C-alpha atoms as a PDB file:
ATOM      1  CA  MET A   1     -40.185  17.304   6.392  1.00  0.00           C
ATOM      2  CA  ASN A   2     -39.777  13.932   7.340  1.00  0.00           C
ATOM      3  CA  VAL A   3     -38.300  11.631   5.111  1.00  0.00           C
ATOM      4  CA  GLN A   4     -37.527   8.020   5.549  1.00  0.00           C
ATOM      5  CA  PRO A   5     -35.372   5.792   3.724  1.00  0.00           C
ATOM      6  CA  ILE A   6     -36.629   2.705   1.652  1.00  0.00           C
ATOM      7  CA  HIS A   7     -35.014  -0.033   0.412  1.00  0.00           C
ATOM      8  CA  ILE A   8     -34.818  -0.533  -3.134  1.00  0.00           C
ATOM      9  CA  PRO A   9     -34.142  -4.481  -4.036  1.00  0.00           C
ATOM     10  CA  THR A  10     -30.735  -4.634  -5.950  1.00  0.00           C
ATOM     11  CA  TYR A  11     -32.555  -5.725  -9.565  1.00  0.00           C
ATOM     12  CA  MET A  12     -34.317  -2.770  -9.456  1.00  0.00           C
ATOM     13  CA  VAL A  13     -31.328  -0.506  -8.598  1.00  0.00           C
ATOM     14  CA  SER A  14     -30.199  -2.113 -11.648  1.00  0.00           C
ATOM     15  CA  LEU A  15     -33.287  -1.501 -13.940  1.00  0.00           C
ATOM     16  CA  ILE A  16     -33.673   1.762 -13.400  1.00  0.00           C
ATOM     17  CA  ASN A  17     -29.895   2.166 -13.548  1.00  0.00           C
ATOM     18  CA  HIS A  18     -30.414   0.571 -17.071  1.00  0.00           C
ATOM     19  CA  TRP A  19     -33.611   2.697 -17.934  1.00  0.00           C
ATOM     20  CA  ARG A  20     -32.146   5.882 -17.410  1.00  0.00           C
ATOM     21  CA  HIS A  21     -28.878   4.734 -19.350  1.00  0.00           C
ATOM     22  CA  THR A  22     -30.908   3.906 -22.270  1.00  0.00           C
ATOM     23  CA  ALA A  23     -33.117   6.444 -22.120  1.00  0.00           C
ATOM     24  CA  THR A  24     -30.255   8.834 -22.245  1.00  0.00           C
ATOM     25  CA  GLU A  25     -28.908   7.738 -25.203  1.00  0.00           C
ATOM     26  CA  LEU A  26     -32.685   7.696 -27.065  1.00  0.00           C
ATOM     27  CA  GLU A  27     -33.161  10.343 -26.246  1.00  0.00           C
ATOM     28  CA  ASN A  28     -29.991  12.325 -27.799  1.00  0.00           C
ATOM     29  CA  LYS A  29     -30.851   9.691 -30.834  1.00  0.00           C
ATOM     30  CA  LEU A  30     -34.323  10.541 -31.245  1.00  0.00           C
ATOM     31  CA  GLY A  31     -34.381  14.468 -30.316  1.00  0.00           C
ATOM     32  CA  ARG A  32     -36.804  13.493 -27.903  1.00  0.00           C
ATOM     33  CA  GLU A  33     -38.098  11.235 -25.736  1.00  0.00           C
ATOM     34  CA  PRO A  34     -38.639   8.162 -26.481  1.00  0.00           C
ATOM     35  CA  GLU A  35     -41.517   6.039 -25.786  1.00  0.00           C
ATOM     36  CA  ILE A  36     -42.316   3.600 -22.800  1.00  0.00           C
ATOM     37  CA  GLU A  37     -42.852   0.726 -25.439  1.00  0.00           C
ATOM     38  CA  LYS A  38     -39.570   0.616 -27.376  1.00  0.00           C
ATOM     39  CA  MET A  39     -38.522   1.052 -23.748  1.00  0.00           C
ATOM     40  CA  ALA A  40     -39.632  -1.871 -22.792  1.00  0.00           C
ATOM     41  CA  ASP A  41     -38.851  -3.861 -26.165  1.00  0.00           C
ATOM     42  CA  ILE A  42     -35.249  -2.962 -25.924  1.00  0.00           C
ATOM     43  CA  MET A  43     -34.947  -3.396 -22.079  1.00  0.00           C
ATOM     44  CA  GLN A  44     -36.746  -6.875 -22.355  1.00  0.00           C
ATOM     45  CA  VAL A  45     -39.400  -5.932 -19.964  1.00  0.00           C
ATOM     46  CA  SER A  46     -42.796  -5.866 -20.206  1.00  0.00           C
ATOM     47  CA  VAL A  47     -44.934  -2.751 -20.732  1.00  0.00           C
ATOM     48  CA  ARG A  48     -46.102  -2.915 -16.896  1.00  0.00           C
ATOM     49  CA  LYS A  49     -42.821  -3.192 -15.591  1.00  0.00           C
ATOM     50  CA  ALA A  50     -41.943  -0.719 -18.418  1.00  0.00           C
ATOM     51  CA  LYS A  51     -44.504   1.624 -17.273  1.00  0.00           C
ATOM     52  CA  ILE A  52     -43.154   1.141 -13.114  1.00  0.00           C
ATOM     53  CA  ILE A  53     -39.606   1.728 -14.064  1.00  0.00           C
ATOM     54  CA  HIS A  54     -40.149   4.730 -15.503  1.00  0.00           C
ATOM     55  CA  LYS A  55     -42.687   6.428 -12.755  1.00  0.00           C
ATOM     56  CA  ILE A  56     -39.552   5.442 -10.106  1.00  0.00           C
ATOM     57  CA  VAL A  57     -37.076   7.453 -12.342  1.00  0.00           C
ATOM     58  CA  LYS A  58     -39.737  10.196 -13.098  1.00  0.00           C
ATOM     59  CA  ILE A  59     -40.271  10.288  -8.659  1.00  0.00           C
ATOM     60  CA  VAL A  60     -36.444   9.964  -7.887  1.00  0.00           C
ATOM     61  CA  SER A  61     -35.820  12.374 -10.264  1.00  0.00           C
ATOM     62  CA  TYR A  62     -38.202  14.803  -8.821  1.00  0.00           C
ATOM     63  CA  LEU A  63     -37.235  14.691  -5.193  1.00  0.00           C
ATOM     64  CA  ARG A  64     -33.501  14.755  -6.765  1.00  0.00           C
ATOM     65  CA  GLU A  65     -34.595  18.000  -7.980  1.00  0.00           C
ATOM     66  CA  SER A  66     -36.639  19.254  -5.085  1.00  0.00           C
ATOM     67  CA  SER A  67     -34.373  18.791  -2.042  1.00  0.00           C
ATOM     68  CA  GLY A  68     -31.800  20.292  -3.850  1.00  0.00           C
ATOM     69  CA  GLU A  69     -29.075  18.046  -2.015  1.00  0.00           C
ATOM     70  CA  GLN A  70     -27.394  15.287  -2.622  1.00  0.00           C
ATOM     71  CA  THR A  71     -28.795  12.026  -0.994  1.00  0.00           C
ATOM     72  CA  GLU A  72     -27.658   8.092   0.122  1.00  0.00           C
ATOM     73  CA  GLU A  73     -29.893   7.353  -3.093  1.00  0.00           C
ATOM     74  CA  GLU A  74     -27.630   9.208  -6.089  1.00  0.00           C
ATOM     75  CA  GLN A  75     -25.001   7.446  -4.410  1.00  0.00           C
ATOM     76  CA  VAL A  76     -26.850   3.840  -5.013  1.00  0.00           C
ATOM     77  CA  PHE A  77     -27.948   4.668  -8.561  1.00  0.00           C
ATOM     78  CA  GLY A  78     -24.583   6.526  -9.334  1.00  0.00           C
ATOM     79  CA  GLU A  79     -23.480   9.291 -11.662  1.00  0.00           C
ATOM     80  CA  GLU A  80     -26.476   8.671 -14.201  1.00  0.00           C
ATOM     81  CA  LEU A  81     -28.019  10.880 -10.895  1.00  0.00           C
ATOM     82  CA  ALA A  82     -25.762  13.672 -10.978  1.00  0.00           C
ATOM     83  CA  ASP A  83     -25.270  14.879 -14.144  1.00  0.00           C
ATOM     84  CA  ASP A  84     -28.531  15.241 -15.981  1.00  0.00           C
ATOM     85  CA  ASN A  85     -27.365  17.218 -18.859  1.00  0.00           C
ATOM     86  CA  GLY A  86     -24.392  15.057 -20.149  1.00  0.00           C
ATOM     87  CA  SER A  87     -23.306  17.582 -22.436  1.00  0.00           C
ATOM     88  CA  LYS A  88     -20.586  19.020 -19.927  1.00  0.00           C
ATOM     89  CA  PRO A  89     -17.134  19.328 -21.643  1.00  0.00           C
ATOM     90  CA  GLY A  90     -14.876  16.185 -20.449  1.00  0.00           C
ATOM     91  CA  ALA A  91     -18.092  14.148 -18.964  1.00  0.00           C
ATOM     92  CA  ARG A  92     -18.017  11.134 -21.417  1.00  0.00           C
ATOM     93  CA  MET A  93     -14.145  10.939 -21.191  1.00  0.00           C
ATOM     94  CA  GLU A  94     -14.490  10.759 -17.133  1.00  0.00           C
ATOM     95  CA  GLU A  95     -17.443   8.151 -17.734  1.00  0.00           C
ATOM     96  CA  ASN A  96     -14.711   5.913 -19.975  1.00  0.00           C
ATOM     97  CA  GLU A  97     -12.147   6.848 -17.546  1.00  0.00           C
ATOM     98  CA  GLU A  98     -14.162   5.347 -14.568  1.00  0.00           C
ATOM     99  CA  LYS A  99     -15.698   2.602 -16.775  1.00  0.00           C
ATOM    100  CA  ALA A 100     -11.441   1.291 -17.336  1.00  0.00           C
ATOM    101  CA  LYS A 101     -10.998   1.700 -13.400  1.00  0.00           C
ATOM    102  CA  ALA A 102     -13.707  -0.037 -13.087  1.00  0.00           C
ATOM    103  CA  LEU A 103     -12.949  -3.014 -15.350  1.00  0.00           C
ATOM    104  CA  ARG A 104      -9.115  -2.976 -14.288  1.00  0.00           C
ATOM    105  CA  LEU A 105     -10.417  -3.611 -10.820  1.00  0.00           C
ATOM    106  CA  LEU A 106     -12.153  -6.370 -11.506  1.00  0.00           C
ATOM    107  CA  ASP A 107      -9.303  -8.157 -12.288  1.00  0.00           C
ATOM    108  CA  ARG A 108      -8.665  -7.995  -8.580  1.00  0.00           C
ATOM    109  CA  ILE A 109     -12.222  -9.722  -7.492  1.00  0.00           C
ATOM    110  CA  ALA A 110     -12.686 -13.760  -7.983  1.00  0.00           C
ATOM    111  CA  PRO A 111     -13.315 -14.599 -11.701  1.00  0.00           C
ATOM    112  CA  ARG A 112     -16.558 -15.606 -10.955  1.00  0.00           C
ATOM    113  CA  GLU A 113     -17.721 -12.690  -9.110  1.00  0.00           C
ATOM    114  CA  ALA A 114     -16.112 -10.720 -11.916  1.00  0.00           C
ATOM    115  CA  GLY A 115     -17.669 -12.158 -14.662  1.00  0.00           C
ATOM    116  CA  ILE A 116     -21.084 -12.043 -12.854  1.00  0.00           C
ATOM    117  CA  LEU A 117     -20.669  -8.393 -12.813  1.00  0.00           C
ATOM    118  CA  ARG A 118     -19.829  -8.600 -16.365  1.00  0.00           C
ATOM    119  CA  LEU A 119     -22.736 -10.745 -17.580  1.00  0.00           C
ATOM    120  CA  HIS A 120     -24.968  -8.310 -15.678  1.00  0.00           C
ATOM    121  CA  TYR A 121     -23.529  -4.596 -16.345  1.00  0.00           C
ATOM    122  CA  GLY A 122     -22.960  -6.131 -20.396  1.00  0.00           C
ATOM    123  CA  LEU A 123     -19.368  -5.007 -19.599  1.00  0.00           C
ATOM    124  CA  ASP A 124     -17.601  -7.046 -22.372  1.00  0.00           C
ATOM    125  CA  GLY A 125     -19.950  -5.674 -25.291  1.00  0.00           C
ATOM    126  CA  HIS A 126     -22.813  -8.084 -24.591  1.00  0.00           C
ATOM    127  CA  LYS A 127     -26.010  -7.318 -23.840  1.00  0.00           C
ATOM    128  CA  PRO A 128     -26.785  -7.101 -20.242  1.00  0.00           C
ATOM    129  CA  LEU A 129     -28.378  -9.808 -18.368  1.00  0.00           C
ATOM    130  CA  THR A 130     -30.857 -10.247 -15.743  1.00  0.00           C
ATOM    131  CA  LEU A 131     -29.892 -12.178 -12.628  1.00  0.00           C
ATOM    132  CA  LYS A 132     -32.556 -14.963 -13.699  1.00  0.00           C
ATOM    133  CA  GLN A 133     -30.232 -15.097 -17.034  1.00  0.00           C
ATOM    134  CA  ILE A 134     -27.009 -15.668 -14.879  1.00  0.00           C
ATOM    135  CA  SER A 135     -28.681 -18.266 -12.819  1.00  0.00           C
ATOM    136  CA  GLU A 136     -29.537 -20.140 -15.507  1.00  0.00           C
ATOM    137  CA  LYS A 137     -25.896 -20.034 -17.219  1.00  0.00           C
ATOM    138  CA  LEU A 138     -24.332 -20.410 -14.522  1.00  0.00           C
ATOM    139  CA  GLY A 139     -26.380 -23.213 -12.706  1.00  0.00           C
ATOM    140  CA  LEU A 140     -27.003 -21.365  -9.543  1.00  0.00           C
ATOM    141  CA  THR A 141     -30.049 -19.890  -7.867  1.00  0.00           C
ATOM    142  CA  ARG A 142     -30.936 -16.241  -8.861  1.00  0.00           C
ATOM    143  CA  GLU A 143     -30.928 -15.187  -5.133  1.00  0.00           C
ATOM    144  CA  ARG A 144     -27.067 -16.697  -5.371  1.00  0.00           C
ATOM    145  CA  ILE A 145     -26.308 -14.395  -8.009  1.00  0.00           C
ATOM    146  CA  ARG A 146     -27.482 -11.506  -6.397  1.00  0.00           C
ATOM    147  CA  GLN A 147     -25.588 -12.513  -3.384  1.00  0.00           C
ATOM    148  CA  ILE A 148     -22.538 -13.155  -5.550  1.00  0.00           C
ATOM    149  CA  GLN A 149     -23.156  -9.515  -7.039  1.00  0.00           C
ATOM    150  CA  ARG A 150     -23.618  -8.133  -3.928  1.00  0.00           C
ATOM    151  CA  GLU A 151     -20.273  -8.898  -2.748  1.00  0.00           C
ATOM    152  CA  ALA A 152     -18.284  -8.172  -5.579  1.00  0.00           C
ATOM    153  CA  LEU A 153     -19.865  -4.924  -5.759  1.00  0.00           C
ATOM    154  CA  ASN A 154     -18.698  -3.955  -2.081  1.00  0.00           C
ATOM    155  CA  LYS A 155     -15.216  -5.023  -2.980  1.00  0.00           C
ATOM    156  CA  LEU A 156     -15.156  -2.741  -6.232  1.00  0.00           C
ATOM    157  CA  TYR A 157     -16.016  -0.352  -3.817  1.00  0.00           C
ATOM    158  CA  GLU A 158     -13.443  -1.199  -1.249  1.00  0.00           C
ATOM    159  CA  TYR A 159     -10.768  -0.652  -3.951  1.00  0.00           C
ATOM    160  CA  MET A 160     -12.340   2.396  -5.877  1.00  0.00           C
ATOM    161  CA  ASN A 161     -11.533   4.258  -2.679  1.00  0.00           C
ATOM    162  CA  GLU A 162      -8.325   3.305  -1.500  1.00  0.00           C
END
């Protein structure tokens, strides 16, 4: 099988990660998979967009399961794809340690970059904001926010691999 890499926009990767995290939490609370309409409401996206995100998540999960090997996409989507059952002993502790490490690393980058990451990923206990919402809040274009976010994530990645 000839597999060609595809580019997934940064905002979509973020939406997909947010979807997977939210869906997992809801599934644990409800004991079943949440409805797409409920996910759309929680994530504050249209039902149409929620259906698209849901399909993408299902496709990525299927591709991962059928290939049986780790791909670059899994690295982009992070540990949420790598740990499907979420019930391994110590998994929550490891996740908390990684989050604490990432938060410490935010202090090593420029305050504006760190602030954008905190807003976008909801790291200070607030609801995650979209790039558009952050751009309106900071008076910058959405594209500039995306550029700053990418630079900040690249710096964090470098620091995590030191």
